[in-house]
Amino acid sequence: MTKLQDLEKRVSKLEEELNALKNTNKHISETPNTTRSTRKAKKNKKLSNKPTPVTKPATKKRKVNEYFKMMLEAKKEGKSSFVYKGNTYKGTKHDKLGMVYKKA
C-alpha cells in the first residue's frame, strides 16, 4: 500500500509541475523574442561587408557533335535506330531519358 500512495503523490507533484510549466510557456510566447531579431541583424551586417563576386564574361557555346545531331534527330522522331559512319546504333526506351542508343 505504501508504494501505491508514494506513486500517487509523485503523480500529483508531476501534474502540478506540468501545469506550472504550461503557464510559464504561455507567458514566454506572448513576449517578442528579441534575441532572434538581433541575430538576424548581425548576420545581415556580415553579409553586407563581403565584396561582390566578379562575374566571368559569357562564353560561346561549342558546336554539337555530328553523332549527337543524328542521335537527337532520331530521338525527336522516335526512331528505334540510326546509322552514323557505317555503324548502326539501336535505341532502347528509358523512363527519364526517352531513348538511349547503343552501338549494335
Protein backbone atom coordinates (compact mmCIF):
# COMPACT_ATOMS: atom_id res chain seq x y z
CA MET A 1 0.00 0.00 0.00
CA THR A 2 2.78 2.43 0.76
CA LYS A 3 4.18 2.07 -2.74
CA LEU A 4 0.83 2.94 -4.27
CA GLN A 5 0.50 6.01 -2.07
CA ASP A 6 4.02 7.12 -2.95
CA LEU A 7 3.26 6.77 -6.64
CA GLU A 8 0.06 8.80 -6.27
CA LYS A 9 2.00 11.57 -4.53
CA ARG A 10 4.61 11.59 -7.30
CA VAL A 11 1.91 11.76 -9.96
CA SER A 12 0.22 14.69 -8.25
CA LYS A 13 3.55 16.56 -7.92
CA LEU A 14 4.37 15.94 -11.57
CA GLU A 15 0.93 17.18 -12.63
CA GLU A 16 1.46 20.37 -10.63
CA GLU A 17 4.88 20.91 -12.24
CA LEU A 18 3.41 20.29 -15.66
CA ASN A 19 0.66 22.85 -15.10
CA ALA A 20 3.22 25.36 -13.85
CA LEU A 21 5.35 24.82 -16.96
CA LYS A 22 2.34 25.26 -19.24
CA ASN A 23 1.54 28.59 -17.57
CA THR A 24 5.12 29.85 -17.95
CA ASN A 25 5.24 28.82 -21.64
CA LYS A 26 2.17 30.95 -22.38
CA HIS A 27 3.83 33.92 -20.76
CA ILE A 28 7.08 33.46 -22.68
CA SER A 29 5.40 33.02 -26.07
CA GLU A 30 3.42 36.25 -25.66
CA THR A 31 6.57 38.37 -25.31
CA PRO A 32 8.51 39.08 -28.53
CA ASN A 33 11.76 37.20 -28.92
CA THR A 34 14.46 39.86 -29.13
CA THR A 35 17.43 37.51 -29.46
CA ARG A 36 16.33 36.26 -32.87
CA SER A 37 15.94 39.74 -34.30
CA THR A 38 19.40 40.75 -33.10
CA ARG A 39 20.91 37.58 -34.59
CA LYS A 40 19.39 38.36 -37.97
CA ALA A 41 20.75 41.89 -37.85
CA LYS A 42 24.24 40.58 -37.11
CA LYS A 43 24.06 38.11 -39.99
CA ASN A 44 22.92 40.82 -42.39
CA LYS A 45 25.83 43.03 -41.38
CA LYS A 46 28.29 40.21 -42.05
CA LEU A 47 26.82 39.58 -45.48
CA SER A 48 26.88 43.24 -46.45
CA ASN A 49 30.62 43.55 -45.72
CA LYS A 50 31.56 40.83 -48.24
CA PRO A 51 32.88 42.05 -51.59
CA THR A 52 30.69 41.38 -54.59
CA PRO A 53 31.90 38.42 -56.67
CA VAL A 54 33.42 39.13 -60.05
CA THR A 55 31.32 37.67 -62.86
CA LYS A 56 33.04 35.90 -65.73
CA PRO A 57 32.26 37.00 -69.27
CA ALA A 58 29.80 34.78 -71.12
CA THR A 59 31.48 32.03 -73.09
CA LYS A 60 30.40 30.89 -76.53
CA LYS A 61 28.72 27.50 -76.83
CA ARG A 62 30.54 24.80 -78.77
CA LYS A 63 29.05 23.21 -81.86
CA VAL A 64 27.17 19.97 -81.36
CA ASN A 65 29.00 16.80 -82.40
CA GLU A 66 27.75 15.14 -85.64
CA TYR A 67 26.87 11.96 -83.73
CA PHE A 68 24.82 13.96 -81.28
CA LYS A 69 23.00 15.79 -84.08
CA MET A 70 21.95 12.48 -85.62
CA MET A 71 21.09 10.97 -82.24
CA LEU A 72 18.91 13.94 -81.24
CA GLU A 73 17.09 13.85 -84.59
CA ALA A 74 16.41 10.12 -84.12
CA LYS A 75 15.27 10.73 -80.58
CA LYS A 76 12.84 13.51 -81.64
CA GLU A 77 11.38 11.35 -84.41
CA GLY A 78 11.19 8.30 -82.13
CA LYS A 79 13.32 6.10 -84.39
CA SER A 80 14.44 2.75 -82.99
CA SER A 81 17.87 3.02 -84.68
CA PHE A 82 20.10 5.28 -86.78
CA VAL A 83 23.30 4.92 -88.79
CA TYR A 84 26.41 7.04 -88.22
CA LYS A 85 29.66 6.48 -90.16
CA GLY A 86 28.71 2.91 -91.08
CA ASN A 87 27.79 1.94 -87.52
CA THR A 88 24.19 1.31 -86.51
CA TYR A 89 23.01 2.46 -83.12
CA LYS A 90 19.92 0.78 -81.65
CA GLY A 91 17.75 2.51 -79.13
CA THR A 92 16.04 1.27 -76.01
CA LYS A 93 13.32 3.19 -74.20
CA HIS A 94 14.26 4.85 -70.94
CA ASP A 95 11.88 6.27 -68.33
CA LYS A 96 13.61 9.62 -67.86
CA LEU A 97 15.77 9.99 -70.96
CA GLY A 98 13.30 8.88 -73.62
CA MET A 99 15.64 6.79 -75.77
CA VAL A 100 19.17 5.57 -75.11
CA TYR A 101 21.23 4.49 -78.11
CA LYS A 102 23.99 1.89 -78.07
CA LYS A 103 26.26 0.55 -80.81
CA ALA A 104 24.75 -2.59 -82.32
